[in-house]
Amino acid sequence: MERNEQLHEEAEEALDQINKKTGRNMPQAIATGAALVILIVGCLLLSVDLFVLLVVVFMILALWELRVDFATVGLHIPVIMLWLCSSFTLIATYYSPYHLITMSLSIIVSIILVAIASSAKINVGNRLPLAVADKLSSTDASARLESSFNHEGGEQHHSRLSHVAVSVLTVLYIPLLASCIIISLTFNGHPIAHAIMLVFLPALSDTGGLFAGAWLGKHKLSPRISPKKSVEGLIGSMLFAMAGAFAVFACTYDASKWATRWWMPIVAGILIGAVGTFGDLCASMLKRDIGIKDMGHLLKGHGGVMDRVDSILMSAPFTCALLWVTGL
């Protein structure tokens, strides 16, 4: 009995150490990750159209999280207009016969409409103030002190142009990058393989970086922006993404593709690992500048939706371009 209690205590201590190194609740993170994998794979197996709808839903949730995060420092983005424009952009890009042209025109129109809506600065209901209050109550005080907005009456210091600039940045960050995921479903006849590469390889890269950084990480990659990122974690990210790319490649393409494009999974792994890590650092820099720890709390163990999709979004245009250029 005592032996069992001792083993239990040792296991808890080991888990606490892992949680501290990774900055996450690992049991929750694993359970949430498994549920997301089942959801995404289920959508892909049932219908690619259903997967497109799932991307739209995730982007809507991500936009709400950004709305709350920016509102904590007095910056306004017109979330309803962003929802409408983003949904239209993603759906129209997929169903239009002229995918790239439709995406480009939709983004241009979205920028114009969102800029106009952000300058109006209209708030509806009281859900946002409640969400902001909840966000601020759970935010670490030291994070707020390091924020660029660490002053009283922050909202009074923002010009109308600041709200417009942040809103336009959001259009370029969410619907534009997410459209690259949708574009990848429309060429060369391998939508499921492309979806897996664009969604799961960055997630696999994150996992590799997490474990490699937790167990081997000694050399800090960018201690000021993200103290937990390490060079060893970056290498782990690349290797895991590379292994995933080889697996997808082996299950999708025939021997003729292997003979001429055997190098593609290596390039994809390095590219996704590097760009995905850069995406994580960009999100960390944004959170540090605003003065928050997580973008949201919708995904247990992963923070918010944005914390989960930042590397996916940043990798999407590069992976999509690589698949297009190589004819895969």
C-alpha atoms as a PDB file:
ATOM      1  CA  MET A   1       0.000   0.000   0.000  1.00  0.00           C
ATOM      2  CA  GLU A   2       2.773   2.413   0.926  1.00  0.00           C
ATOM      3  CA  ARG A   3       4.636   1.412  -2.237  1.00  0.00           C
ATOM      4  CA  ASN A   4       1.607   2.323  -4.376  1.00  0.00           C
ATOM      5  CA  GLU A   5       1.242   5.680  -2.643  1.00  0.00           C
ATOM      6  CA  GLN A   6       4.932   6.391  -3.212  1.00  0.00           C
ATOM      7  CA  LEU A   7       4.659   5.530  -6.917  1.00  0.00           C
ATOM      8  CA  HIS A   8       1.575   7.721  -7.190  1.00  0.00           C
ATOM      9  CA  GLU A   9       3.376  10.671  -5.601  1.00  0.00           C
ATOM     10  CA  GLU A  10       6.402  10.183  -7.881  1.00  0.00           C
ATOM     11  CA  ALA A  11       4.129  10.085 -10.921  1.00  0.00           C
ATOM     12  CA  GLU A  12       2.412  13.312  -9.835  1.00  0.00           C
ATOM     13  CA  GLU A  13       5.757  15.025  -9.278  1.00  0.00           C
ATOM     14  CA  ALA A  14       6.978  13.920 -12.718  1.00  0.00           C
ATOM     15  CA  LEU A  15       3.762  15.167 -14.316  1.00  0.00           C
ATOM     16  CA  ASP A  16       4.066  18.509 -12.487  1.00  0.00           C
ATOM     17  CA  GLN A  17       7.606  18.894 -13.816  1.00  0.00           C
ATOM     18  CA  ILE A  18       6.444  18.180 -17.375  1.00  0.00           C
ATOM     19  CA  ASN A  19       3.561  20.638 -17.018  1.00  0.00           C
ATOM     20  CA  LYS A  20       5.964  23.338 -15.791  1.00  0.00           C
ATOM     21  CA  LYS A  21       8.404  22.746 -18.661  1.00  0.00           C
ATOM     22  CA  THR A  22       5.715  22.725 -21.338  1.00  0.00           C
ATOM     23  CA  GLY A  23       3.561  25.439 -19.787  1.00  0.00           C
ATOM     24  CA  ARG A  24       0.467  23.264 -20.293  1.00  0.00           C
ATOM     25  CA  ASN A  25      -1.723  20.803 -18.457  1.00  0.00           C
ATOM     26  CA  MET A  26      -0.544  17.794 -20.456  1.00  0.00           C
ATOM     27  CA  PRO A  27      -3.395  15.356 -19.656  1.00  0.00           C
ATOM     28  CA  GLN A  28      -5.923  18.003 -20.717  1.00  0.00           C
ATOM     29  CA  ALA A  29      -3.852  18.913 -23.759  1.00  0.00           C
ATOM     30  CA  ILE A  30      -3.639  15.278 -24.897  1.00  0.00           C
ATOM     31  CA  ALA A  31      -7.371  14.677 -24.377  1.00  0.00           C
ATOM     32  CA  THR A  32      -8.304  17.872 -26.240  1.00  0.00           C
ATOM     33  CA  GLY A  33      -5.861  17.067 -29.034  1.00  0.00           C
ATOM     34  CA  ALA A  34      -7.312  13.580 -29.450  1.00  0.00           C
ATOM     35  CA  ALA A  35     -10.858  14.983 -29.607  1.00  0.00           C
ATOM     36  CA  LEU A  36      -9.797  17.510 -32.274  1.00  0.00           C
ATOM     37  CA  VAL A  37      -8.108  14.802 -34.342  1.00  0.00           C
ATOM     38  CA  ILE A  38     -11.269  12.671 -34.245  1.00  0.00           C
ATOM     39  CA  LEU A  39     -13.424  15.653 -35.195  1.00  0.00           C
ATOM     40  CA  ILE A  40     -11.239  16.733 -38.129  1.00  0.00           C
ATOM     41  CA  VAL A  41     -10.667  13.233 -39.483  1.00  0.00           C
ATOM     42  CA  GLY A  42     -14.380  12.486 -39.157  1.00  0.00           C
ATOM     43  CA  CYS A  43     -15.245  15.575 -41.200  1.00  0.00           C
ATOM     44  CA  LEU A  44     -12.689  14.702 -43.884  1.00  0.00           C
ATOM     45  CA  LEU A  45     -13.932  11.121 -44.179  1.00  0.00           C
ATOM     46  CA  LEU A  46     -17.571  12.183 -44.396  1.00  0.00           C
ATOM     47  CA  SER A  47     -17.153  15.116 -46.777  1.00  0.00           C
ATOM     48  CA  VAL A  48     -14.567  17.714 -47.748  1.00  0.00           C
ATOM     49  CA  ASP A  49     -17.422  20.238 -47.707  1.00  0.00           C
ATOM     50  CA  LEU A  50     -17.929  19.443 -44.031  1.00  0.00           C
ATOM     51  CA  PHE A  51     -14.241  20.098 -43.408  1.00  0.00           C
ATOM     52  CA  VAL A  52     -14.600  23.523 -45.074  1.00  0.00           C
ATOM     53  CA  LEU A  53     -17.497  24.285 -42.730  1.00  0.00           C
ATOM     54  CA  LEU A  54     -15.339  23.202 -39.774  1.00  0.00           C
ATOM     55  CA  VAL A  55     -12.597  25.633 -40.853  1.00  0.00           C
ATOM     56  CA  VAL A  56     -15.211  28.403 -40.990  1.00  0.00           C
ATOM     57  CA  VAL A  57     -16.391  27.558 -37.455  1.00  0.00           C
ATOM     58  CA  PHE A  58     -12.855  27.600 -36.076  1.00  0.00           C
ATOM     59  CA  MET A  59     -12.159  30.948 -37.722  1.00  0.00           C
ATOM     60  CA  ILE A  60     -15.338  32.404 -36.200  1.00  0.00           C
ATOM     61  CA  LEU A  61     -14.220  31.250 -32.737  1.00  0.00           C
ATOM     62  CA  ALA A  62     -10.700  32.598 -33.320  1.00  0.00           C
ATOM     63  CA  LEU A  63     -12.073  36.000 -34.349  1.00  0.00           C
ATOM     64  CA  TRP A  64     -14.132  36.219 -31.163  1.00  0.00           C
ATOM     65  CA  GLU A  65     -11.044  35.446 -29.093  1.00  0.00           C
ATOM     66  CA  LEU A  66      -9.098  38.172 -30.867  1.00  0.00           C
ATOM     67  CA  ARG A  67     -12.026  40.553 -30.315  1.00  0.00           C
ATOM     68  CA  VAL A  68     -11.848  39.984 -26.567  1.00  0.00           C
ATOM     69  CA  ASP A  69      -8.042  40.098 -26.445  1.00  0.00           C
ATOM     70  CA  PHE A  70      -7.826  43.419 -28.281  1.00  0.00           C
ATOM     71  CA  ALA A  71     -10.698  44.832 -26.218  1.00  0.00           C
ATOM     72  CA  THR A  72      -8.688  44.282 -23.009  1.00  0.00           C
ATOM     73  CA  VAL A  73      -6.397  47.096 -24.167  1.00  0.00           C
ATOM     74  CA  GLY A  74      -9.137  49.236 -25.660  1.00  0.00           C
ATOM     75  CA  LEU A  75      -8.739  48.235 -29.318  1.00  0.00           C
ATOM     76  CA  HIS A  76     -11.923  47.569 -31.291  1.00  0.00           C
ATOM     77  CA  ILE A  77     -12.360  45.138 -34.174  1.00  0.00           C
ATOM     78  CA  PRO A  78     -15.840  44.741 -35.769  1.00  0.00           C
ATOM     79  CA  VAL A  79     -16.361  41.064 -35.050  1.00  0.00           C
ATOM     80  CA  ILE A  80     -19.758  40.708 -36.765  1.00  0.00           C
ATOM     81  CA  MET A  81     -18.440  42.197 -40.009  1.00  0.00           C
ATOM     82  CA  LEU A  82     -15.350  40.017 -39.702  1.00  0.00           C
ATOM     83  CA  TRP A  83     -17.523  36.937 -39.220  1.00  0.00           C
ATOM     84  CA  LEU A  84     -19.561  37.751 -42.323  1.00  0.00           C
ATOM     85  CA  CYS A  85     -16.563  38.617 -44.494  1.00  0.00           C
ATOM     86  CA  SER A  86     -14.467  35.652 -43.334  1.00  0.00           C
ATOM     87  CA  SER A  87     -17.282  33.140 -43.823  1.00  0.00           C
ATOM     88  CA  PHE A  88     -18.056  34.489 -47.282  1.00  0.00           C
ATOM     89  CA  THR A  89     -14.369  34.513 -48.260  1.00  0.00           C
ATOM     90  CA  LEU A  90     -13.722  30.908 -47.231  1.00  0.00           C
ATOM     91  CA  ILE A  91     -16.931  29.474 -48.680  1.00  0.00           C
ATOM     92  CA  ALA A  92     -16.751  31.472 -51.923  1.00  0.00           C
ATOM     93  CA  THR A  93     -13.085  30.547 -52.387  1.00  0.00           C
ATOM     94  CA  TYR A  94     -13.925  26.856 -52.205  1.00  0.00           C
ATOM     95  CA  TYR A  95     -17.064  26.788 -54.341  1.00  0.00           C
ATOM     96  CA  SER A  96     -16.073  29.331 -56.992  1.00  0.00           C
ATOM     97  CA  PRO A  97     -14.505  27.882 -60.170  1.00  0.00           C
ATOM     98  CA  TYR A  98     -11.957  30.738 -60.005  1.00  0.00           C
ATOM     99  CA  HIS A  99     -10.571  30.042 -56.553  1.00  0.00           C
ATOM    100  CA  LEU A 100      -7.572  32.371 -56.446  1.00  0.00           C
ATOM    101  CA  ILE A 101      -9.354  35.309 -58.082  1.00  0.00           C
ATOM    102  CA  THR A 102     -12.356  34.902 -55.779  1.00  0.00           C
ATOM    103  CA  MET A 103     -10.108  34.787 -52.717  1.00  0.00           C
ATOM    104  CA  SER A 104      -8.216  37.916 -53.793  1.00  0.00           C
ATOM    105  CA  LEU A 105     -11.356  39.933 -54.530  1.00  0.00           C
ATOM    106  CA  SER A 106     -13.039  38.759 -51.321  1.00  0.00           C
ATOM    107  CA  ILE A 107     -10.057  39.815 -49.211  1.00  0.00           C
ATOM    108  CA  ILE A 108      -9.935  43.241 -50.868  1.00  0.00           C
ATOM    109  CA  VAL A 109     -13.660  43.790 -50.275  1.00  0.00           C
ATOM    110  CA  SER A 110     -13.304  42.475 -46.713  1.00  0.00           C
ATOM    111  CA  ILE A 111     -10.539  44.972 -45.951  1.00  0.00           C
ATOM    112  CA  ILE A 112     -12.705  47.856 -47.180  1.00  0.00           C
ATOM    113  CA  LEU A 113     -15.849  46.770 -45.298  1.00  0.00           C
ATOM    114  CA  VAL A 114     -13.969  45.928 -42.089  1.00  0.00           C
ATOM    115  CA  ALA A 115     -12.095  49.247 -42.185  1.00  0.00           C
ATOM    116  CA  ILE A 116     -15.384  51.144 -42.497  1.00  0.00           C
ATOM    117  CA  ALA A 117     -17.042  49.093 -39.738  1.00  0.00           C
ATOM    118  CA  SER A 118     -14.078  49.499 -37.366  1.00  0.00           C
ATOM    119  CA  SER A 119     -14.115  53.271 -37.758  1.00  0.00           C
ATOM    120  CA  ALA A 120     -17.799  53.280 -36.720  1.00  0.00           C
ATOM    121  CA  LYS A 121     -16.936  51.385 -33.509  1.00  0.00           C
ATOM    122  CA  ILE A 122     -20.378  49.974 -32.722  1.00  0.00           C
ATOM    123  CA  ASN A 123     -20.873  47.579 -29.776  1.00  0.00           C
ATOM    124  CA  VAL A 124     -23.978  45.421 -29.400  1.00  0.00           C
ATOM    125  CA  GLY A 125     -25.022  43.803 -26.104  1.00  0.00           C
ATOM    126  CA  ASN A 126     -22.969  43.289 -22.963  1.00  0.00           C
ATOM    127  CA  ARG A 127     -21.232  39.983 -23.723  1.00  0.00           C
ATOM    128  CA  LEU A 128     -17.988  41.700 -24.686  1.00  0.00           C
ATOM    129  CA  PRO A 129     -17.608  43.731 -21.433  1.00  0.00           C
ATOM    130  CA  LEU A 130     -18.304  40.562 -19.432  1.00  0.00           C
ATOM    131  CA  ALA A 131     -15.771  38.582 -21.459  1.00  0.00           C
ATOM    132  CA  VAL A 132     -13.174  41.337 -21.053  1.00  0.00           C
ATOM    133  CA  ALA A 133     -13.791  41.505 -17.289  1.00  0.00           C
ATOM    134  CA  ASP A 134     -13.376  37.735 -17.037  1.00  0.00           C
ATOM    135  CA  LYS A 135     -10.210  37.898 -19.120  1.00  0.00           C
ATOM    136  CA  LEU A 136      -8.675  40.613 -16.990  1.00  0.00           C
ATOM    137  CA  SER A 137      -9.574  38.845 -13.750  1.00  0.00           C
ATOM    138  CA  SER A 138      -7.689  35.715 -14.852  1.00  0.00           C
ATOM    139  CA  THR A 139      -4.684  37.536 -16.305  1.00  0.00           C
ATOM    140  CA  ASP A 140      -1.369  37.432 -14.507  1.00  0.00           C
ATOM    141  CA  ALA A 141      -0.456  40.820 -13.013  1.00  0.00           C
ATOM    142  CA  SER A 142       3.165  40.612 -14.160  1.00  0.00           C
ATOM    143  CA  ALA A 143       2.034  40.070 -17.752  1.00  0.00           C
ATOM    144  CA  ARG A 144      -0.030  43.255 -17.600  1.00  0.00           C
ATOM    145  CA  LEU A 145       2.939  45.191 -16.223  1.00  0.00           C
ATOM    146  CA  GLU A 146       5.081  44.161 -19.215  1.00  0.00           C
ATOM    147  CA  SER A 147       2.384  45.138 -21.696  1.00  0.00           C
ATOM    148  CA  SER A 148       2.905  48.056 -24.062  1.00  0.00           C
ATOM    149  CA  PHE A 149      -0.530  49.263 -22.939  1.00  0.00           C
ATOM    150  CA  ASN A 150       0.430  49.520 -19.263  1.00  0.00           C
ATOM    151  CA  HIS A 151      -1.151  52.872 -18.533  1.00  0.00           C
ATOM    152  CA  GLU A 152      -4.445  54.197 -17.255  1.00  0.00           C
ATOM    153  CA  GLY A 153      -7.270  55.024 -19.618  1.00  0.00           C
ATOM    154  CA  GLY A 154      -5.669  53.046 -22.425  1.00  0.00           C
ATOM    155  CA  GLU A 155      -8.641  53.283 -24.733  1.00  0.00           C
ATOM    156  CA  GLN A 156      -8.522  57.104 -24.755  1.00  0.00           C
ATOM    157  CA  HIS A 157      -5.062  56.994 -26.321  1.00  0.00           C
ATOM    158  CA  HIS A 158      -6.145  54.978 -29.384  1.00  0.00           C
ATOM    159  CA  SER A 159      -6.941  56.941 -32.503  1.00  0.00           C
ATOM    160  CA  ARG A 160      -9.595  55.833 -34.964  1.00  0.00           C
ATOM    161  CA  LEU A 161      -6.765  54.833 -37.292  1.00  0.00           C
ATOM    162  CA  SER A 162      -5.450  52.399 -34.652  1.00  0.00           C
ATOM    163  CA  HIS A 163      -8.775  50.532 -34.607  1.00  0.00           C
ATOM    164  CA  VAL A 164      -8.773  50.403 -38.407  1.00  0.00           C
ATOM    165  CA  ALA A 165      -5.170  49.155 -38.539  1.00  0.00           C
ATOM    166  CA  VAL A 166      -5.794  46.362 -36.034  1.00  0.00           C
ATOM    167  CA  SER A 167      -8.957  45.321 -37.886  1.00  0.00           C
ATOM    168  CA  VAL A 168      -7.166  45.184 -41.245  1.00  0.00           C
ATOM    169  CA  LEU A 169      -4.358  43.167 -39.630  1.00  0.00           C
ATOM    170  CA  THR A 170      -7.006  40.714 -38.414  1.00  0.00           C
ATOM    171  CA  VAL A 171      -8.327  40.275 -41.971  1.00  0.00           C
ATOM    172  CA  LEU A 172      -4.822  39.494 -43.207  1.00  0.00           C
ATOM    173  CA  TYR A 173      -4.158  37.159 -40.276  1.00  0.00           C
ATOM    174  CA  ILE A 174      -7.372  35.104 -40.168  1.00  0.00           C
ATOM    175  CA  PRO A 175      -9.387  34.910 -43.409  1.00  0.00           C
ATOM    176  CA  LEU A 176      -6.435  35.441 -45.774  1.00  0.00           C
ATOM    177  CA  LEU A 177      -4.223  32.748 -44.228  1.00  0.00           C
ATOM    178  CA  ALA A 178      -7.199  30.418 -43.676  1.00  0.00           C
ATOM    179  CA  SER A 179      -8.074  30.790 -47.368  1.00  0.00           C
ATOM    180  CA  CYS A 180      -4.771  29.089 -48.182  1.00  0.00           C
ATOM    181  CA  ILE A 181      -6.078  25.993 -46.388  1.00  0.00           C
ATOM    182  CA  ILE A 182      -9.200  26.127 -48.547  1.00  0.00           C
ATOM    183  CA  ILE A 183      -7.216  26.742 -51.767  1.00  0.00           C
ATOM    184  CA  SER A 184      -5.162  23.595 -51.112  1.00  0.00           C
ATOM    185  CA  LEU A 185      -8.351  21.500 -51.343  1.00  0.00           C
ATOM    186  CA  THR A 186      -9.024  22.599 -54.904  1.00  0.00           C
ATOM    187  CA  PHE A 187      -6.041  21.421 -56.972  1.00  0.00           C
ATOM    188  CA  ASN A 188      -4.268  18.210 -58.054  1.00  0.00           C
ATOM    189  CA  GLY A 189      -7.057  15.914 -56.830  1.00  0.00           C
ATOM    190  CA  HIS A 190      -5.778  15.131 -53.323  1.00  0.00           C
ATOM    191  CA  PRO A 191      -7.928  17.267 -50.978  1.00  0.00           C
ATOM    192  CA  ILE A 192      -7.717  14.923 -47.975  1.00  0.00           C
ATOM    193  CA  ALA A 193      -3.922  14.569 -48.198  1.00  0.00           C
ATOM    194  CA  HIS A 194      -3.570  18.328 -48.591  1.00  0.00           C
ATOM    195  CA  ALA A 195      -5.867  19.006 -45.632  1.00  0.00           C
ATOM    196  CA  ILE A 196      -3.896  16.588 -43.462  1.00  0.00           C
ATOM    197  CA  MET A 197      -0.615  18.221 -44.447  1.00  0.00           C
ATOM    198  CA  LEU A 198      -1.841  21.749 -43.784  1.00  0.00           C
ATOM    199  CA  VAL A 199      -3.646  21.002 -40.518  1.00  0.00           C
ATOM    200  CA  PHE A 200      -1.976  18.004 -38.898  1.00  0.00           C
ATOM    201  CA  LEU A 201       1.673  18.551 -39.835  1.00  0.00           C
ATOM    202  CA  PRO A 202       1.890  21.923 -38.018  1.00  0.00           C
ATOM    203  CA  ALA A 203       0.107  20.316 -35.047  1.00  0.00           C
ATOM    204  CA  LEU A 204       2.535  17.376 -35.194  1.00  0.00           C
ATOM    205  CA  SER A 205       5.390  19.871 -35.434  1.00  0.00           C
ATOM    206  CA  ASP A 206       4.081  21.633 -32.297  1.00  0.00           C
ATOM    207  CA  THR A 207       3.961  18.274 -30.505  1.00  0.00           C
ATOM    208  CA  GLY A 208       7.519  17.437 -31.533  1.00  0.00           C
ATOM    209  CA  GLY A 209       8.728  20.828 -30.390  1.00  0.00           C
ATOM    210  CA  LEU A 210       6.863  20.466 -27.109  1.00  0.00           C
ATOM    211  CA  PHE A 211       8.374  17.101 -26.204  1.00  0.00           C
ATOM    212  CA  ALA A 212      11.863  17.828 -27.531  1.00  0.00           C
ATOM    213  CA  GLY A 213      11.896  21.144 -25.696  1.00  0.00           C
ATOM    214  CA  ALA A 214      10.592  19.597 -22.470  1.00  0.00           C
ATOM    215  CA  TRP A 215      13.151  16.775 -22.329  1.00  0.00           C
ATOM    216  CA  LEU A 216      16.138  18.111 -24.255  1.00  0.00           C
ATOM    217  CA  GLY A 217      15.699  21.891 -24.366  1.00  0.00           C
ATOM    218  CA  LYS A 218      18.773  23.744 -23.082  1.00  0.00           C
ATOM    219  CA  HIS A 219      19.466  26.490 -25.617  1.00  0.00           C
ATOM    220  CA  LYS A 220      16.800  29.212 -25.613  1.00  0.00           C
ATOM    221  CA  LEU A 221      15.489  30.220 -29.020  1.00  0.00           C
ATOM    222  CA  SER A 222      13.979  33.580 -28.072  1.00  0.00           C
ATOM    223  CA  PRO A 223      13.920  33.997 -24.287  1.00  0.00           C
ATOM    224  CA  ARG A 224      12.429  37.481 -24.348  1.00  0.00           C
ATOM    225  CA  ILE A 225       9.430  36.546 -26.507  1.00  0.00           C
ATOM    226  CA  SER A 226       8.855  32.934 -25.444  1.00  0.00           C
ATOM    227  CA  PRO A 227      11.105  31.625 -22.634  1.00  0.00           C
ATOM    228  CA  LYS A 228      10.005  28.011 -23.171  1.00  0.00           C
ATOM    229  CA  LYS A 229      11.031  27.848 -26.853  1.00  0.00           C
ATOM    230  CA  SER A 230      14.398  26.185 -27.447  1.00  0.00           C
ATOM    231  CA  VAL A 231      16.670  25.306 -30.357  1.00  0.00           C
ATOM    232  CA  GLU A 232      16.206  21.633 -29.510  1.00  0.00           C
ATOM    233  CA  GLY A 233      12.438  22.150 -29.653  1.00  0.00           C
ATOM    234  CA  LEU A 234      12.775  23.716 -33.119  1.00  0.00           C
ATOM    235  CA  ILE A 235      14.770  20.717 -34.347  1.00  0.00           C
ATOM    236  CA  GLY A 236      12.167  18.387 -32.837  1.00  0.00           C
ATOM    237  CA  SER A 237       9.434  20.332 -34.615  1.00  0.00           C
ATOM    238  CA  MET A 238      11.171  19.879 -37.960  1.00  0.00           C
ATOM    239  CA  LEU A 239      11.824  16.165 -37.448  1.00  0.00           C
ATOM    240  CA  PHE A 240       8.245  15.397 -36.377  1.00  0.00           C
ATOM    241  CA  ALA A 241       6.819  17.371 -39.299  1.00  0.00           C
ATOM    242  CA  MET A 242       9.229  15.612 -41.648  1.00  0.00           C
ATOM    243  CA  ALA A 243       8.150  12.186 -40.361  1.00  0.00           C
ATOM    244  CA  GLY A 244       4.491  13.148 -40.804  1.00  0.00           C
ATOM    245  CA  ALA A 245       5.150  14.416 -44.343  1.00  0.00           C
ATOM    246  CA  PHE A 246       6.824  11.112 -45.266  1.00  0.00           C
ATOM    247  CA  ALA A 247       3.824   9.201 -43.873  1.00  0.00           C
ATOM    248  CA  VAL A 248       1.305  11.285 -45.857  1.00  0.00           C
ATOM    249  CA  PHE A 249       3.472  11.046 -48.970  1.00  0.00           C
ATOM    250  CA  ALA A 250       3.754   7.245 -48.669  1.00  0.00           C
ATOM    251  CA  CYS A 251      -0.015   6.832 -48.258  1.00  0.00           C
ATOM    252  CA  THR A 252      -0.951   9.186 -51.105  1.00  0.00           C
ATOM    253  CA  TYR A 253       1.453   9.085 -54.038  1.00  0.00           C
ATOM    254  CA  ASP A 254       2.724   6.270 -56.269  1.00  0.00           C
ATOM    255  CA  ALA A 255       6.279   5.212 -57.094  1.00  0.00           C
ATOM    256  CA  SER A 256       6.632   7.689 -59.961  1.00  0.00           C
ATOM    257  CA  LYS A 257       6.107  10.603 -57.567  1.00  0.00           C
ATOM    258  CA  TRP A 258       8.594   9.132 -55.096  1.00  0.00           C
ATOM    259  CA  ALA A 259      11.229   8.842 -57.840  1.00  0.00           C
ATOM    260  CA  THR A 260      11.129  12.523 -58.736  1.00  0.00           C
ATOM    261  CA  ARG A 261       9.956  14.195 -55.532  1.00  0.00           C
ATOM    262  CA  TRP A 262      11.501  12.147 -52.713  1.00  0.00           C
ATOM    263  CA  TRP A 263      12.954  15.375 -51.321  1.00  0.00           C
ATOM    264  CA  MET A 264       9.566  17.054 -50.882  1.00  0.00           C
ATOM    265  CA  PRO A 265       8.783  15.633 -47.377  1.00  0.00           C
ATOM    266  CA  ILE A 266      12.199  16.804 -46.164  1.00  0.00           C
ATOM    267  CA  VAL A 267      11.606  20.332 -47.451  1.00  0.00           C
ATOM    268  CA  ALA A 268       8.038  20.289 -46.093  1.00  0.00           C
ATOM    269  CA  GLY A 269       9.225  19.209 -42.634  1.00  0.00           C
ATOM    270  CA  ILE A 270      11.903  21.892 -42.414  1.00  0.00           C
ATOM    271  CA  LEU A 271       9.545  24.545 -43.785  1.00  0.00           C
ATOM    272  CA  ILE A 272       6.610  23.698 -41.523  1.00  0.00           C
ATOM    273  CA  GLY A 273       8.822  23.341 -38.443  1.00  0.00           C
ATOM    274  CA  ALA A 274      10.510  26.696 -39.017  1.00  0.00           C
ATOM    275  CA  VAL A 275       7.457  28.694 -40.127  1.00  0.00           C
ATOM    276  CA  GLY A 276       5.190  27.097 -37.501  1.00  0.00           C
ATOM    277  CA  THR A 277       7.641  28.035 -34.751  1.00  0.00           C
ATOM    278  CA  PHE A 278       7.789  31.555 -36.174  1.00  0.00           C
ATOM    279  CA  GLY A 279       3.977  31.651 -36.037  1.00  0.00           C
ATOM    280  CA  ASP A 280       4.068  30.611 -32.377  1.00  0.00           C
ATOM    281  CA  LEU A 281       6.600  33.346 -31.640  1.00  0.00           C
ATOM    282  CA  CYS A 282       4.448  35.947 -33.425  1.00  0.00           C
ATOM    283  CA  ALA A 283       1.435  34.911 -31.330  1.00  0.00           C
ATOM    284  CA  SER A 284       3.576  34.997 -28.166  1.00  0.00           C
ATOM    285  CA  MET A 285       4.826  38.476 -29.064  1.00  0.00           C
ATOM    286  CA  LEU A 286       1.243  39.643 -29.582  1.00  0.00           C
ATOM    287  CA  LYS A 287       0.162  38.172 -26.225  1.00  0.00           C
ATOM    288  CA  ARG A 288       3.150  39.718 -24.457  1.00  0.00           C
ATOM    289  CA  ASP A 289       2.462  43.104 -26.032  1.00  0.00           C
ATOM    290  CA  ILE A 290      -1.201  42.998 -24.989  1.00  0.00           C
ATOM    291  CA  GLY A 291      -0.351  41.553 -21.585  1.00  0.00           C
ATOM    292  CA  ILE A 292      -2.204  38.212 -21.594  1.00  0.00           C
ATOM    293  CA  LYS A 293      -1.113  34.603 -21.104  1.00  0.00           C
ATOM    294  CA  ASP A 294      -3.540  32.803 -23.445  1.00  0.00           C
ATOM    295  CA  MET A 295      -5.634  33.981 -26.365  1.00  0.00           C
ATOM    296  CA  GLY A 296      -8.650  32.225 -24.871  1.00  0.00           C
ATOM    297  CA  HIS A 297      -9.865  29.239 -22.871  1.00  0.00           C
ATOM    298  CA  LEU A 298     -12.051  27.355 -25.349  1.00  0.00           C
ATOM    299  CA  LEU A 299      -9.661  24.414 -25.729  1.00  0.00           C
ATOM    300  CA  LYS A 300      -8.660  22.802 -22.430  1.00  0.00           C
ATOM    301  CA  GLY A 301      -4.898  22.394 -22.138  1.00  0.00           C
ATOM    302  CA  HIS A 302      -4.272  24.427 -25.289  1.00  0.00           C
ATOM    303  CA  GLY A 303      -5.446  27.864 -24.244  1.00  0.00           C
ATOM    304  CA  GLY A 304      -7.613  29.379 -26.916  1.00  0.00           C
ATOM    305  CA  VAL A 305      -8.381  28.453 -30.503  1.00  0.00           C
ATOM    306  CA  MET A 306      -5.787  31.000 -31.643  1.00  0.00           C
ATOM    307  CA  ASP A 307      -3.141  29.292 -29.515  1.00  0.00           C
ATOM    308  CA  ARG A 308      -3.904  26.109 -31.430  1.00  0.00           C
ATOM    309  CA  VAL A 309      -4.163  27.476 -34.967  1.00  0.00           C
ATOM    310  CA  ASP A 310      -1.429  30.147 -35.038  1.00  0.00           C
ATOM    311  CA  SER A 311       1.219  27.810 -36.472  1.00  0.00           C
ATOM    312  CA  ILE A 312      -1.340  26.239 -38.830  1.00  0.00           C
ATOM    313  CA  LEU A 313      -2.302  29.635 -40.235  1.00  0.00           C
ATOM    314  CA  MET A 314       1.275  30.831 -40.625  1.00  0.00           C
ATOM    315  CA  SER A 315       2.351  27.604 -42.350  1.00  0.00           C
ATOM    316  CA  ALA A 316      -0.666  27.421 -44.661  1.00  0.00           C
ATOM    317  CA  PRO A 317       0.495  29.716 -47.523  1.00  0.00           C
ATOM    318  CA  PHE A 318       3.962  28.139 -47.643  1.00  0.00           C
ATOM    319  CA  THR A 319       2.704  24.550 -47.614  1.00  0.00           C
ATOM    320  CA  CYS A 320      -0.002  25.364 -50.156  1.00  0.00           C
ATOM    321  CA  ALA A 321       2.561  26.983 -52.465  1.00  0.00           C
ATOM    322  CA  LEU A 322       4.916  24.009 -52.076  1.00  0.00           C
ATOM    323  CA  LEU A 323       2.155  21.545 -53.031  1.00  0.00           C
ATOM    324  CA  TRP A 324       1.166  23.718 -55.995  1.00  0.00           C
ATOM    325  CA  VAL A 325       4.720  24.179 -57.339  1.00  0.00           C
ATOM    326  CA  THR A 326       5.621  20.490 -56.992  1.00  0.00           C
ATOM    327  CA  GLY A 327       2.380  19.365 -58.635  1.00  0.00           C
ATOM    328  CA  LEU A 328       1.337  17.308 -55.647  1.00  0.00           C
END
